[in-house]
Amino acid sequence: MRHVPTRNQAEAVQRLPHPAGALPSPRKLPAIGEFSWIWIGLVLLFVISALVAPGTMTRGSILAMLPFAGILAIVATGQTLVIQQRGLDMSAVGMVSLAGVLMARTGFGFDSIVLAAVFTVAVGALVGMINGALVSRVAITPLVATLAVNALLIGVVRSLTGNVPVNVPPIMQTISHAQYLGLPANVLFAVVFVVAAWIITRKTSIGRRFVAVGVNPRAAEAAGVRVLKYQIGAYVASAVCFSAAGMLLAGFIGSASASSGNDYLMPAIAAVVVGGTPFTGGKGSVIASAVAALFMAQLGQMVLALGAGTSVQLLVQACAILLATTVRYLPSAVKTLRSMKR
């Protein structure tokens, strides 16, 4: 009969001294998650900013940067959801601009900012359904489909405004410039969007099916999941995020125009990449994308404080994306090299 040591005997054996020449097995350091690198990068960026551009670390500078970081985080949240479905939404520019214009016009027309916001979000959801249908039903490449829709949206905005900025209702300006608990309102709105997206995608059965569709649509469909619903739903969710960001941006600036959303396409995609969400679908983290949005906003402010021009800012963004991608795949590359040596 096989003897099974008791718990006390096992603990006693573990306390025995190791034989001569034998070394205890080294304890492994806790592995850094694939979406955790951005937190380290954000801390390093703030340290570097304090050293090379201390003016960007004052309370006034941070409070001036946070509203735009919050808007970028909302756009990045929508873009993350689409990329998790192996897509890409290039209509962010047009949707952000159109949302600001619609909110401004309907806010004065309805004499109610609530009705204006509801109408704007509804239009955004309709645009998202069009994007999703073109990609999922008509099988047009996401890049081509959303670029075409973006061109259409820009044309609508120019028709509505005549290429002249539109004033925003004062109540929307008050909301966007308000502060609660010492934080700009835009940041709190961003927290609401990010947390809601995180709960839905990580803590619900809908989210589990959403991730399954992103990982392998055919396998998910074979398992009885309505793939089309989740693929189109991702574009609807992204368009709603873009609409909210457009309204907050217009309220913060005080006007809306056809060029309002120009700065919220590539930085949002960069935030998703820097946050660690891969373009292969399935895996993703809206929280990491939101933190990366803060990273990108602070990076831009630091570079601007150093006197760099637009071209240098774009170069720095490109380097940040390249560095983030390298760091993400560095552990797997090291493991591959070690296995080859063996």
C-alpha atoms as a PDB file:
ATOM      1  CA  MET A   1       0.000   0.000   0.000  1.00  0.00           C
ATOM      2  CA  ARG A   2       1.357   3.371  -1.023  1.00  0.00           C
ATOM      3  CA  HIS A   3       2.225   5.712   1.843  1.00  0.00           C
ATOM      4  CA  VAL A   4       0.865   9.254   1.451  1.00  0.00           C
ATOM      5  CA  PRO A   5       2.692  11.800   3.608  1.00  0.00           C
ATOM      6  CA  THR A   6       0.599  13.933   5.902  1.00  0.00           C
ATOM      7  CA  ARG A   7       0.626  17.703   5.698  1.00  0.00           C
ATOM      8  CA  ASN A   8       2.898  18.029   8.738  1.00  0.00           C
ATOM      9  CA  GLN A   9       5.356  15.516   7.261  1.00  0.00           C
ATOM     10  CA  ALA A  10       5.436  17.407   3.967  1.00  0.00           C
ATOM     11  CA  GLU A  11       6.116  20.698   5.756  1.00  0.00           C
ATOM     12  CA  ALA A  12       8.894  19.046   7.772  1.00  0.00           C
ATOM     13  CA  VAL A  13      10.542  17.762   4.593  1.00  0.00           C
ATOM     14  CA  GLN A  14      10.419  21.255   3.099  1.00  0.00           C
ATOM     15  CA  ARG A  15      12.249  22.625   6.153  1.00  0.00           C
ATOM     16  CA  LEU A  16      15.118  20.108   5.843  1.00  0.00           C
ATOM     17  CA  PRO A  17      18.441  21.659   4.735  1.00  0.00           C
ATOM     18  CA  HIS A  18      19.357  21.142   1.105  1.00  0.00           C
ATOM     19  CA  PRO A  19      22.134  18.645   0.332  1.00  0.00           C
ATOM     20  CA  ALA A  20      25.591  20.008  -0.317  1.00  0.00           C
ATOM     21  CA  GLY A  21      25.881  21.456  -3.782  1.00  0.00           C
ATOM     22  CA  ALA A  22      22.144  21.547  -4.268  1.00  0.00           C
ATOM     23  CA  LEU A  23      20.583  24.973  -4.600  1.00  0.00           C
ATOM     24  CA  PRO A  24      16.980  25.780  -3.891  1.00  0.00           C
ATOM     25  CA  SER A  25      14.937  26.389  -7.006  1.00  0.00           C
ATOM     26  CA  PRO A  26      14.760  30.139  -7.674  1.00  0.00           C
ATOM     27  CA  ARG A  27      11.441  31.811  -7.215  1.00  0.00           C
ATOM     28  CA  LYS A  28      10.029  33.209 -10.416  1.00  0.00           C
ATOM     29  CA  LEU A  29       9.141  36.867 -10.490  1.00  0.00           C
ATOM     30  CA  PRO A  30       5.472  37.568 -11.148  1.00  0.00           C
ATOM     31  CA  ALA A  31       4.880  37.925 -14.861  1.00  0.00           C
ATOM     32  CA  ILE A  32       3.701  41.269 -16.191  1.00  0.00           C
ATOM     33  CA  GLY A  33       0.401  40.963 -18.006  1.00  0.00           C
ATOM     34  CA  GLU A  34       0.184  41.922 -21.646  1.00  0.00           C
ATOM     35  CA  PHE A  35      -2.078  44.861 -20.754  1.00  0.00           C
ATOM     36  CA  SER A  36      -0.006  45.962 -17.748  1.00  0.00           C
ATOM     37  CA  TRP A  37       2.973  47.390 -19.596  1.00  0.00           C
ATOM     38  CA  ILE A  38       1.123  50.637 -20.276  1.00  0.00           C
ATOM     39  CA  TRP A  39       0.952  51.385 -16.542  1.00  0.00           C
ATOM     40  CA  ILE A  40       4.732  51.118 -16.310  1.00  0.00           C
ATOM     41  CA  GLY A  41       5.099  53.274 -19.409  1.00  0.00           C
ATOM     42  CA  LEU A  42       2.748  55.916 -17.990  1.00  0.00           C
ATOM     43  CA  VAL A  43       4.738  56.165 -14.754  1.00  0.00           C
ATOM     44  CA  LEU A  44       8.006  56.446 -16.698  1.00  0.00           C
ATOM     45  CA  LEU A  45       6.496  59.121 -18.933  1.00  0.00           C
ATOM     46  CA  PHE A  46       5.465  61.224 -15.942  1.00  0.00           C
ATOM     47  CA  VAL A  47       8.949  60.852 -14.452  1.00  0.00           C
ATOM     48  CA  ILE A  48      10.570  61.912 -17.740  1.00  0.00           C
ATOM     49  CA  SER A  49       8.125  64.804 -18.073  1.00  0.00           C
ATOM     50  CA  ALA A  50       9.031  66.015 -14.584  1.00  0.00           C
ATOM     51  CA  LEU A  51      12.712  66.004 -15.565  1.00  0.00           C
ATOM     52  CA  VAL A  52      12.706  67.449 -19.091  1.00  0.00           C
ATOM     53  CA  ALA A  53       9.486  69.493 -19.083  1.00  0.00           C
ATOM     54  CA  PRO A  54       8.508  70.230 -15.471  1.00  0.00           C
ATOM     55  CA  GLY A  55       5.951  72.772 -16.630  1.00  0.00           C
ATOM     56  CA  THR A  56       3.740  69.939 -17.890  1.00  0.00           C
ATOM     57  CA  MET A  57       3.526  68.438 -14.396  1.00  0.00           C
ATOM     58  CA  THR A  58       1.962  71.422 -12.664  1.00  0.00           C
ATOM     59  CA  ARG A  59      -1.630  71.162 -11.471  1.00  0.00           C
ATOM     60  CA  GLY A  60      -2.792  73.682 -14.071  1.00  0.00           C
ATOM     61  CA  SER A  61      -1.126  71.834 -16.944  1.00  0.00           C
ATOM     62  CA  ILE A  62      -2.514  68.470 -15.889  1.00  0.00           C
ATOM     63  CA  LEU A  63      -6.039  69.859 -15.495  1.00  0.00           C
ATOM     64  CA  ALA A  64      -5.753  71.423 -18.954  1.00  0.00           C
ATOM     65  CA  MET A  65      -4.636  68.111 -20.469  1.00  0.00           C
ATOM     66  CA  LEU A  66      -7.120  65.780 -18.753  1.00  0.00           C
ATOM     67  CA  PRO A  67     -10.300  66.903 -20.601  1.00  0.00           C
ATOM     68  CA  PHE A  68      -8.749  66.084 -23.975  1.00  0.00           C
ATOM     69  CA  ALA A  69      -7.325  62.837 -22.592  1.00  0.00           C
ATOM     70  CA  GLY A  70     -10.828  61.903 -21.438  1.00  0.00           C
ATOM     71  CA  ILE A  71     -12.296  62.567 -24.885  1.00  0.00           C
ATOM     72  CA  LEU A  72      -9.513  60.543 -26.486  1.00  0.00           C
ATOM     73  CA  ALA A  73     -10.166  57.709 -24.015  1.00  0.00           C
ATOM     74  CA  ILE A  74     -13.830  57.563 -25.082  1.00  0.00           C
ATOM     75  CA  VAL A  75     -12.856  57.393 -28.762  1.00  0.00           C
ATOM     76  CA  ALA A  76     -10.208  54.763 -27.981  1.00  0.00           C
ATOM     77  CA  THR A  77     -12.810  52.699 -26.105  1.00  0.00           C
ATOM     78  CA  GLY A  78     -15.013  52.552 -29.197  1.00  0.00           C
ATOM     79  CA  GLN A  79     -12.047  51.754 -31.410  1.00  0.00           C
ATOM     80  CA  THR A  80     -10.964  48.956 -29.060  1.00  0.00           C
ATOM     81  CA  LEU A  81     -14.347  47.235 -29.318  1.00  0.00           C
ATOM     82  CA  VAL A  82     -14.172  47.282 -33.126  1.00  0.00           C
ATOM     83  CA  ILE A  83     -10.591  46.040 -33.221  1.00  0.00           C
ATOM     84  CA  GLN A  84     -11.584  43.179 -30.908  1.00  0.00           C
ATOM     85  CA  GLN A  85     -13.864  42.087 -33.761  1.00  0.00           C
ATOM     86  CA  ARG A  86     -10.940  42.234 -36.222  1.00  0.00           C
ATOM     87  CA  GLY A  87     -12.233  45.491 -37.646  1.00  0.00           C
ATOM     88  CA  LEU A  88     -11.198  49.142 -37.834  1.00  0.00           C
ATOM     89  CA  ASP A  89     -13.386  52.239 -37.750  1.00  0.00           C
ATOM     90  CA  MET A  90     -11.943  55.065 -39.842  1.00  0.00           C
ATOM     91  CA  SER A  91     -15.158  57.097 -39.602  1.00  0.00           C
ATOM     92  CA  ALA A  92     -14.157  58.536 -36.226  1.00  0.00           C
ATOM     93  CA  VAL A  93     -13.216  61.896 -37.751  1.00  0.00           C
ATOM     94  CA  GLY A  94     -16.553  62.361 -39.467  1.00  0.00           C
ATOM     95  CA  MET A  95     -18.616  61.016 -36.571  1.00  0.00           C
ATOM     96  CA  VAL A  96     -16.931  63.221 -33.964  1.00  0.00           C
ATOM     97  CA  SER A  97     -17.423  66.276 -36.183  1.00  0.00           C
ATOM     98  CA  LEU A  98     -21.018  65.400 -37.084  1.00  0.00           C
ATOM     99  CA  ALA A  99     -21.942  64.748 -33.437  1.00  0.00           C
ATOM    100  CA  GLY A 100     -20.740  68.195 -32.413  1.00  0.00           C
ATOM    101  CA  VAL A 101     -22.676  69.900 -35.205  1.00  0.00           C
ATOM    102  CA  LEU A 102     -25.871  67.913 -34.608  1.00  0.00           C
ATOM    103  CA  MET A 103     -25.754  68.584 -30.888  1.00  0.00           C
ATOM    104  CA  ALA A 104     -25.222  72.307 -31.512  1.00  0.00           C
ATOM    105  CA  ARG A 105     -28.007  72.651 -34.080  1.00  0.00           C
ATOM    106  CA  THR A 106     -30.582  70.463 -32.340  1.00  0.00           C
ATOM    107  CA  GLY A 107     -29.706  71.913 -28.938  1.00  0.00           C
ATOM    108  CA  PHE A 108     -30.915  75.311 -30.100  1.00  0.00           C
ATOM    109  CA  GLY A 109     -33.730  73.810 -32.183  1.00  0.00           C
ATOM    110  CA  PHE A 110     -35.202  71.569 -29.454  1.00  0.00           C
ATOM    111  CA  ASP A 111     -34.287  74.015 -26.676  1.00  0.00           C
ATOM    112  CA  SER A 112     -33.232  70.905 -24.723  1.00  0.00           C
ATOM    113  CA  ILE A 113     -29.720  69.555 -24.455  1.00  0.00           C
ATOM    114  CA  VAL A 114     -31.087  66.153 -23.356  1.00  0.00           C
ATOM    115  CA  LEU A 115     -33.174  65.736 -26.518  1.00  0.00           C
ATOM    116  CA  ALA A 116     -30.227  66.964 -28.579  1.00  0.00           C
ATOM    117  CA  ALA A 117     -27.922  64.382 -26.975  1.00  0.00           C
ATOM    118  CA  VAL A 118     -30.428  61.558 -27.487  1.00  0.00           C
ATOM    119  CA  PHE A 119     -30.945  62.526 -31.133  1.00  0.00           C
ATOM    120  CA  THR A 120     -27.190  62.748 -31.736  1.00  0.00           C
ATOM    121  CA  VAL A 121     -26.531  59.341 -30.147  1.00  0.00           C
ATOM    122  CA  ALA A 122     -29.362  57.822 -32.218  1.00  0.00           C
ATOM    123  CA  VAL A 123     -27.818  59.158 -35.416  1.00  0.00           C
ATOM    124  CA  GLY A 124     -24.464  57.782 -34.306  1.00  0.00           C
ATOM    125  CA  ALA A 125     -25.990  54.355 -33.694  1.00  0.00           C
ATOM    126  CA  LEU A 126     -27.508  54.450 -37.195  1.00  0.00           C
ATOM    127  CA  VAL A 127     -24.104  55.276 -38.687  1.00  0.00           C
ATOM    128  CA  GLY A 128     -22.610  52.382 -36.725  1.00  0.00           C
ATOM    129  CA  MET A 129     -25.220  50.015 -38.113  1.00  0.00           C
ATOM    130  CA  ILE A 130     -24.339  51.141 -41.635  1.00  0.00           C
ATOM    131  CA  ASN A 131     -20.647  50.548 -40.977  1.00  0.00           C
ATOM    132  CA  GLY A 132     -21.310  47.158 -39.447  1.00  0.00           C
ATOM    133  CA  ALA A 133     -23.614  46.082 -42.262  1.00  0.00           C
ATOM    134  CA  LEU A 134     -21.120  47.112 -44.947  1.00  0.00           C
ATOM    135  CA  VAL A 135     -18.359  45.156 -43.216  1.00  0.00           C
ATOM    136  CA  SER A 136     -20.298  42.098 -42.037  1.00  0.00           C
ATOM    137  CA  ARG A 137     -23.107  41.679 -44.567  1.00  0.00           C
ATOM    138  CA  VAL A 138     -21.642  43.161 -47.747  1.00  0.00           C
ATOM    139  CA  ALA A 139     -18.138  41.884 -46.843  1.00  0.00           C
ATOM    140  CA  ILE A 140     -16.352  45.134 -47.663  1.00  0.00           C
ATOM    141  CA  THR A 141     -12.934  45.559 -46.071  1.00  0.00           C
ATOM    142  CA  PRO A 142     -13.342  47.598 -42.836  1.00  0.00           C
ATOM    143  CA  LEU A 143     -10.759  50.149 -43.953  1.00  0.00           C
ATOM    144  CA  VAL A 144     -12.553  50.826 -47.232  1.00  0.00           C
ATOM    145  CA  ALA A 145     -16.089  50.730 -45.841  1.00  0.00           C
ATOM    146  CA  THR A 146     -15.481  53.069 -42.912  1.00  0.00           C
ATOM    147  CA  LEU A 147     -13.389  55.470 -45.003  1.00  0.00           C
ATOM    148  CA  ALA A 148     -16.285  55.750 -47.454  1.00  0.00           C
ATOM    149  CA  VAL A 149     -18.731  56.415 -44.618  1.00  0.00           C
ATOM    150  CA  ASN A 150     -16.295  58.945 -43.153  1.00  0.00           C
ATOM    151  CA  ALA A 151     -16.210  60.847 -46.452  1.00  0.00           C
ATOM    152  CA  LEU A 152     -20.022  60.860 -46.486  1.00  0.00           C
ATOM    153  CA  LEU A 153     -20.167  62.191 -42.924  1.00  0.00           C
ATOM    154  CA  ILE A 154     -17.685  64.960 -43.659  1.00  0.00           C
ATOM    155  CA  GLY A 155     -19.774  65.957 -46.670  1.00  0.00           C
ATOM    156  CA  VAL A 156     -22.906  66.122 -44.495  1.00  0.00           C
ATOM    157  CA  VAL A 157     -21.109  68.263 -41.914  1.00  0.00           C
ATOM    158  CA  ARG A 158     -19.902  70.699 -44.559  1.00  0.00           C
ATOM    159  CA  SER A 159     -23.417  70.940 -45.971  1.00  0.00           C
ATOM    160  CA  LEU A 160     -24.846  71.687 -42.526  1.00  0.00           C
ATOM    161  CA  THR A 161     -22.229  74.254 -41.584  1.00  0.00           C
ATOM    162  CA  GLY A 162     -21.131  75.753 -44.897  1.00  0.00           C
ATOM    163  CA  ASN A 163     -17.552  75.321 -43.628  1.00  0.00           C
ATOM    164  CA  VAL A 164     -18.306  77.847 -40.873  1.00  0.00           C
ATOM    165  CA  PRO A 165     -17.952  76.816 -37.189  1.00  0.00           C
ATOM    166  CA  VAL A 166     -21.266  76.422 -35.363  1.00  0.00           C
ATOM    167  CA  ASN A 167     -21.760  77.777 -31.847  1.00  0.00           C
ATOM    168  CA  VAL A 168     -22.645  75.330 -29.086  1.00  0.00           C
ATOM    169  CA  PRO A 169     -25.467  75.881 -26.536  1.00  0.00           C
ATOM    170  CA  PRO A 170     -24.108  77.443 -23.321  1.00  0.00           C
ATOM    171  CA  ILE A 171     -25.455  74.571 -21.204  1.00  0.00           C
ATOM    172  CA  MET A 172     -23.234  72.093 -23.072  1.00  0.00           C
ATOM    173  CA  GLN A 173     -20.242  74.345 -22.551  1.00  0.00           C
ATOM    174  CA  THR A 174     -21.020  74.475 -18.837  1.00  0.00           C
ATOM    175  CA  ILE A 175     -21.233  70.675 -18.654  1.00  0.00           C
ATOM    176  CA  SER A 176     -17.943  70.136 -20.500  1.00  0.00           C
ATOM    177  CA  HIS A 177     -16.077  72.708 -18.392  1.00  0.00           C
ATOM    178  CA  ALA A 178     -17.499  71.565 -15.061  1.00  0.00           C
ATOM    179  CA  GLN A 179     -15.399  69.867 -12.404  1.00  0.00           C
ATOM    180  CA  TYR A 180     -16.544  67.250  -9.917  1.00  0.00           C
ATOM    181  CA  LEU A 181     -14.434  65.919  -7.063  1.00  0.00           C
ATOM    182  CA  GLY A 182     -11.572  68.012  -8.407  1.00  0.00           C
ATOM    183  CA  LEU A 183     -11.618  66.294 -11.806  1.00  0.00           C
ATOM    184  CA  PRO A 184     -12.867  67.650 -15.153  1.00  0.00           C
ATOM    185  CA  ALA A 185     -16.306  66.360 -16.140  1.00  0.00           C
ATOM    186  CA  ASN A 186     -14.893  64.919 -19.377  1.00  0.00           C
ATOM    187  CA  VAL A 187     -12.688  62.588 -17.348  1.00  0.00           C
ATOM    188  CA  LEU A 188     -15.659  61.350 -15.324  1.00  0.00           C
ATOM    189  CA  PHE A 189     -17.658  60.755 -18.500  1.00  0.00           C
ATOM    190  CA  ALA A 190     -14.692  58.778 -19.831  1.00  0.00           C
ATOM    191  CA  VAL A 191     -14.587  56.686 -16.649  1.00  0.00           C
ATOM    192  CA  VAL A 192     -18.284  55.877 -17.072  1.00  0.00           C
ATOM    193  CA  PHE A 193     -17.802  54.739 -20.681  1.00  0.00           C
ATOM    194  CA  VAL A 194     -14.668  52.724 -19.932  1.00  0.00           C
ATOM    195  CA  VAL A 195     -16.087  51.010 -16.844  1.00  0.00           C
ATOM    196  CA  ALA A 196     -19.358  50.201 -18.614  1.00  0.00           C
ATOM    197  CA  ALA A 197     -17.496  48.699 -21.583  1.00  0.00           C
ATOM    198  CA  TRP A 198     -15.208  46.746 -19.237  1.00  0.00           C
ATOM    199  CA  ILE A 199     -18.103  45.292 -17.243  1.00  0.00           C
ATOM    200  CA  ILE A 200     -20.027  44.288 -20.366  1.00  0.00           C
ATOM    201  CA  THR A 201     -17.060  42.671 -22.120  1.00  0.00           C
ATOM    202  CA  ARG A 202     -15.486  41.019 -19.064  1.00  0.00           C
ATOM    203  CA  LYS A 203     -18.256  40.259 -16.585  1.00  0.00           C
ATOM    204  CA  THR A 204     -21.288  39.233 -18.660  1.00  0.00           C
ATOM    205  CA  SER A 205     -22.251  36.356 -20.920  1.00  0.00           C
ATOM    206  CA  ILE A 206     -22.697  38.879 -23.737  1.00  0.00           C
ATOM    207  CA  GLY A 207     -19.074  39.884 -23.292  1.00  0.00           C
ATOM    208  CA  ARG A 208     -17.878  36.285 -23.334  1.00  0.00           C
ATOM    209  CA  ARG A 209     -19.705  35.656 -26.589  1.00  0.00           C
ATOM    210  CA  PHE A 210     -18.370  38.951 -27.932  1.00  0.00           C
ATOM    211  CA  VAL A 211     -14.796  37.835 -27.257  1.00  0.00           C
ATOM    212  CA  ALA A 212     -15.490  34.384 -28.715  1.00  0.00           C
ATOM    213  CA  VAL A 213     -16.719  35.941 -31.954  1.00  0.00           C
ATOM    214  CA  GLY A 214     -13.576  38.064 -32.149  1.00  0.00           C
ATOM    215  CA  VAL A 215     -11.294  35.082 -31.564  1.00  0.00           C
ATOM    216  CA  ASN A 216     -12.903  32.768 -34.118  1.00  0.00           C
ATOM    217  CA  PRO A 217     -16.171  33.800 -35.824  1.00  0.00           C
ATOM    218  CA  ARG A 218     -16.683  30.414 -37.495  1.00  0.00           C
ATOM    219  CA  ALA A 219     -16.264  28.458 -34.268  1.00  0.00           C
ATOM    220  CA  ALA A 220     -18.567  30.869 -32.449  1.00  0.00           C
ATOM    221  CA  GLU A 221     -21.196  30.491 -35.159  1.00  0.00           C
ATOM    222  CA  ALA A 222     -20.903  26.706 -34.969  1.00  0.00           C
ATOM    223  CA  ALA A 223     -21.518  26.998 -31.231  1.00  0.00           C
ATOM    224  CA  GLY A 224     -24.786  28.803 -31.886  1.00  0.00           C
ATOM    225  CA  VAL A 225     -23.640  32.399 -31.338  1.00  0.00           C
ATOM    226  CA  ARG A 226     -25.253  35.019 -33.563  1.00  0.00           C
ATOM    227  CA  VAL A 227     -22.005  36.334 -34.985  1.00  0.00           C
ATOM    228  CA  LEU A 228     -23.543  39.061 -37.113  1.00  0.00           C
ATOM    229  CA  LYS A 229     -25.194  40.670 -34.100  1.00  0.00           C
ATOM    230  CA  TYR A 230     -21.896  41.085 -32.274  1.00  0.00           C
ATOM    231  CA  GLN A 231     -19.941  42.254 -35.306  1.00  0.00           C
ATOM    232  CA  ILE A 232     -22.482  44.961 -36.134  1.00  0.00           C
ATOM    233  CA  GLY A 233     -22.914  45.751 -32.438  1.00  0.00           C
ATOM    234  CA  ALA A 234     -19.213  46.579 -32.151  1.00  0.00           C
ATOM    235  CA  TYR A 235     -19.556  49.284 -34.816  1.00  0.00           C
ATOM    236  CA  VAL A 236     -22.728  50.614 -33.196  1.00  0.00           C
ATOM    237  CA  ALA A 237     -20.934  50.849 -29.836  1.00  0.00           C
ATOM    238  CA  SER A 238     -17.949  52.594 -31.420  1.00  0.00           C
ATOM    239  CA  ALA A 239     -20.181  55.140 -33.185  1.00  0.00           C
ATOM    240  CA  VAL A 240     -21.978  55.870 -29.905  1.00  0.00           C
ATOM    241  CA  CYS A 241     -18.589  56.468 -28.249  1.00  0.00           C
ATOM    242  CA  PHE A 242     -17.563  58.763 -31.091  1.00  0.00           C
ATOM    243  CA  SER A 243     -20.851  60.663 -30.759  1.00  0.00           C
ATOM    244  CA  ALA A 244     -20.355  61.207 -27.037  1.00  0.00           C
ATOM    245  CA  ALA A 245     -16.772  62.337 -27.608  1.00  0.00           C
ATOM    246  CA  GLY A 246     -17.884  64.735 -30.344  1.00  0.00           C
ATOM    247  CA  MET A 247     -20.491  66.367 -28.104  1.00  0.00           C
ATOM    248  CA  LEU A 248     -18.052  66.757 -25.206  1.00  0.00           C
ATOM    249  CA  LEU A 249     -15.355  68.147 -27.509  1.00  0.00           C
ATOM    250  CA  ALA A 250     -17.720  70.686 -29.063  1.00  0.00           C
ATOM    251  CA  GLY A 251     -18.919  71.734 -25.617  1.00  0.00           C
ATOM    252  CA  PHE A 252     -15.360  72.145 -24.349  1.00  0.00           C
ATOM    253  CA  ILE A 253     -14.177  74.136 -27.369  1.00  0.00           C
ATOM    254  CA  GLY A 254     -17.417  76.095 -27.669  1.00  0.00           C
ATOM    255  CA  SER A 255     -17.955  75.392 -31.368  1.00  0.00           C
ATOM    256  CA  ALA A 256     -18.242  72.545 -33.865  1.00  0.00           C
ATOM    257  CA  SER A 257     -16.874  72.282 -37.388  1.00  0.00           C
ATOM    258  CA  ALA A 258     -15.944  69.799 -40.099  1.00  0.00           C
ATOM    259  CA  SER A 259     -12.382  69.618 -38.769  1.00  0.00           C
ATOM    260  CA  SER A 260     -13.240  69.037 -35.099  1.00  0.00           C
ATOM    261  CA  GLY A 261     -12.501  65.323 -35.236  1.00  0.00           C
ATOM    262  CA  ASN A 262      -9.231  65.499 -37.166  1.00  0.00           C
ATOM    263  CA  ASP A 263      -7.114  64.883 -34.058  1.00  0.00           C
ATOM    264  CA  TYR A 264      -9.065  61.864 -32.836  1.00  0.00           C
ATOM    265  CA  LEU A 265      -8.394  59.146 -35.401  1.00  0.00           C
ATOM    266  CA  MET A 266      -4.715  58.241 -35.400  1.00  0.00           C
ATOM    267  CA  PRO A 267      -4.128  59.059 -31.711  1.00  0.00           C
ATOM    268  CA  ALA A 268      -7.063  56.808 -30.776  1.00  0.00           C
ATOM    269  CA  ILE A 269      -5.727  53.933 -32.887  1.00  0.00           C
ATOM    270  CA  ALA A 270      -2.288  54.572 -31.393  1.00  0.00           C
ATOM    271  CA  ALA A 271      -3.793  54.390 -27.906  1.00  0.00           C
ATOM    272  CA  VAL A 272      -5.348  51.008 -28.705  1.00  0.00           C
ATOM    273  CA  VAL A 273      -2.030  49.676 -30.020  1.00  0.00           C
ATOM    274  CA  VAL A 274       0.011  51.110 -27.145  1.00  0.00           C
ATOM    275  CA  GLY A 275      -2.543  49.686 -24.715  1.00  0.00           C
ATOM    276  CA  GLY A 276      -1.804  46.211 -26.052  1.00  0.00           C
ATOM    277  CA  THR A 277      -4.979  45.251 -27.926  1.00  0.00           C
ATOM    278  CA  PRO A 278      -3.918  43.165 -30.970  1.00  0.00           C
ATOM    279  CA  PHE A 279      -5.515  43.463 -34.397  1.00  0.00           C
ATOM    280  CA  THR A 280      -6.009  39.688 -34.481  1.00  0.00           C
ATOM    281  CA  GLY A 281      -9.287  40.045 -32.588  1.00  0.00           C
ATOM    282  CA  GLY A 282     -10.725  38.635 -29.396  1.00  0.00           C
ATOM    283  CA  LYS A 283      -8.370  39.824 -26.687  1.00  0.00           C
ATOM    284  CA  GLY A 284      -8.422  43.447 -25.674  1.00  0.00           C
ATOM    285  CA  SER A 285      -8.644  45.832 -22.742  1.00  0.00           C
ATOM    286  CA  VAL A 286     -10.628  49.062 -22.780  1.00  0.00           C
ATOM    287  CA  ILE A 287      -8.958  50.043 -19.504  1.00  0.00           C
ATOM    288  CA  ALA A 288      -5.491  49.672 -21.035  1.00  0.00           C
ATOM    289  CA  SER A 289      -6.629  51.702 -24.053  1.00  0.00           C
ATOM    290  CA  ALA A 290      -7.939  54.458 -21.765  1.00  0.00           C
ATOM    291  CA  VAL A 291      -4.655  54.545 -19.831  1.00  0.00           C
ATOM    292  CA  ALA A 292      -2.817  54.645 -23.158  1.00  0.00           C
ATOM    293  CA  ALA A 293      -5.006  57.612 -24.167  1.00  0.00           C
ATOM    294  CA  LEU A 294      -3.733  59.441 -21.079  1.00  0.00           C
ATOM    295  CA  PHE A 295      -0.218  58.362 -22.078  1.00  0.00           C
ATOM    296  CA  MET A 296      -0.646  59.772 -25.596  1.00  0.00           C
ATOM    297  CA  ALA A 297      -2.117  63.035 -24.308  1.00  0.00           C
ATOM    298  CA  GLN A 298       0.723  63.585 -21.851  1.00  0.00           C
ATOM    299  CA  LEU A 299       3.284  62.591 -24.471  1.00  0.00           C
ATOM    300  CA  GLY A 300       1.885  65.162 -26.886  1.00  0.00           C
ATOM    301  CA  GLN A 301       1.892  67.848 -24.208  1.00  0.00           C
ATOM    302  CA  MET A 302       5.490  67.071 -23.243  1.00  0.00           C
ATOM    303  CA  VAL A 303       6.706  67.173 -26.844  1.00  0.00           C
ATOM    304  CA  LEU A 304       4.797  70.419 -27.422  1.00  0.00           C
ATOM    305  CA  ALA A 305       6.352  71.947 -24.303  1.00  0.00           C
ATOM    306  CA  LEU A 306       9.796  71.101 -25.673  1.00  0.00           C
ATOM    307  CA  GLY A 307       9.030  73.244 -28.718  1.00  0.00           C
ATOM    308  CA  ALA A 308       8.657  70.451 -31.256  1.00  0.00           C
ATOM    309  CA  GLY A 309       6.556  70.952 -34.365  1.00  0.00           C
ATOM    310  CA  THR A 310       3.723  68.847 -35.715  1.00  0.00           C
ATOM    311  CA  SER A 311       6.023  66.605 -37.728  1.00  0.00           C
ATOM    312  CA  VAL A 312       8.112  65.802 -34.645  1.00  0.00           C
ATOM    313  CA  GLN A 313       4.972  65.058 -32.652  1.00  0.00           C
ATOM    314  CA  LEU A 314       3.870  62.541 -35.287  1.00  0.00           C
ATOM    315  CA  LEU A 315       7.341  61.005 -35.268  1.00  0.00           C
ATOM    316  CA  VAL A 316       7.227  60.650 -31.488  1.00  0.00           C
ATOM    317  CA  GLN A 317       3.799  58.990 -31.724  1.00  0.00           C
ATOM    318  CA  ALA A 318       5.151  56.549 -34.305  1.00  0.00           C
ATOM    319  CA  CYS A 319       8.118  55.728 -32.058  1.00  0.00           C
ATOM    320  CA  ALA A 320       5.771  55.187 -29.107  1.00  0.00           C
ATOM    321  CA  ILE A 321       3.708  52.714 -31.147  1.00  0.00           C
ATOM    322  CA  LEU A 322       6.843  50.901 -32.320  1.00  0.00           C
ATOM    323  CA  LEU A 323       8.231  50.722 -28.779  1.00  0.00           C
ATOM    324  CA  ALA A 324       4.922  49.459 -27.383  1.00  0.00           C
ATOM    325  CA  THR A 325       4.713  46.768 -30.036  1.00  0.00           C
ATOM    326  CA  THR A 326       8.312  45.710 -29.404  1.00  0.00           C
ATOM    327  CA  VAL A 327       7.827  45.502 -25.646  1.00  0.00           C
ATOM    328  CA  ARG A 328       4.616  43.512 -26.120  1.00  0.00           C
ATOM    329  CA  TYR A 329       6.302  40.782 -28.167  1.00  0.00           C
ATOM    330  CA  LEU A 330       9.693  40.881 -26.434  1.00  0.00           C
ATOM    331  CA  PRO A 331       8.938  38.134 -23.845  1.00  0.00           C
ATOM    332  CA  SER A 332       7.737  35.688 -26.511  1.00  0.00           C
ATOM    333  CA  ALA A 333      10.780  36.507 -28.660  1.00  0.00           C
ATOM    334  CA  VAL A 334      13.108  35.787 -25.731  1.00  0.00           C
ATOM    335  CA  LYS A 335      11.375  32.441 -25.081  1.00  0.00           C
ATOM    336  CA  THR A 336      11.728  31.527 -28.755  1.00  0.00           C
ATOM    337  CA  LEU A 337      15.464  32.307 -28.738  1.00  0.00           C
ATOM    338  CA  ARG A 338      15.977  30.244 -25.580  1.00  0.00           C
ATOM    339  CA  SER A 339      14.160  27.270 -27.038  1.00  0.00           C
ATOM    340  CA  MET A 340      16.258  27.500 -30.221  1.00  0.00           C
ATOM    341  CA  LYS A 341      19.484  27.474 -28.184  1.00  0.00           C
ATOM    342  CA  ARG A 342      18.386  24.333 -26.374  1.00  0.00           C
END
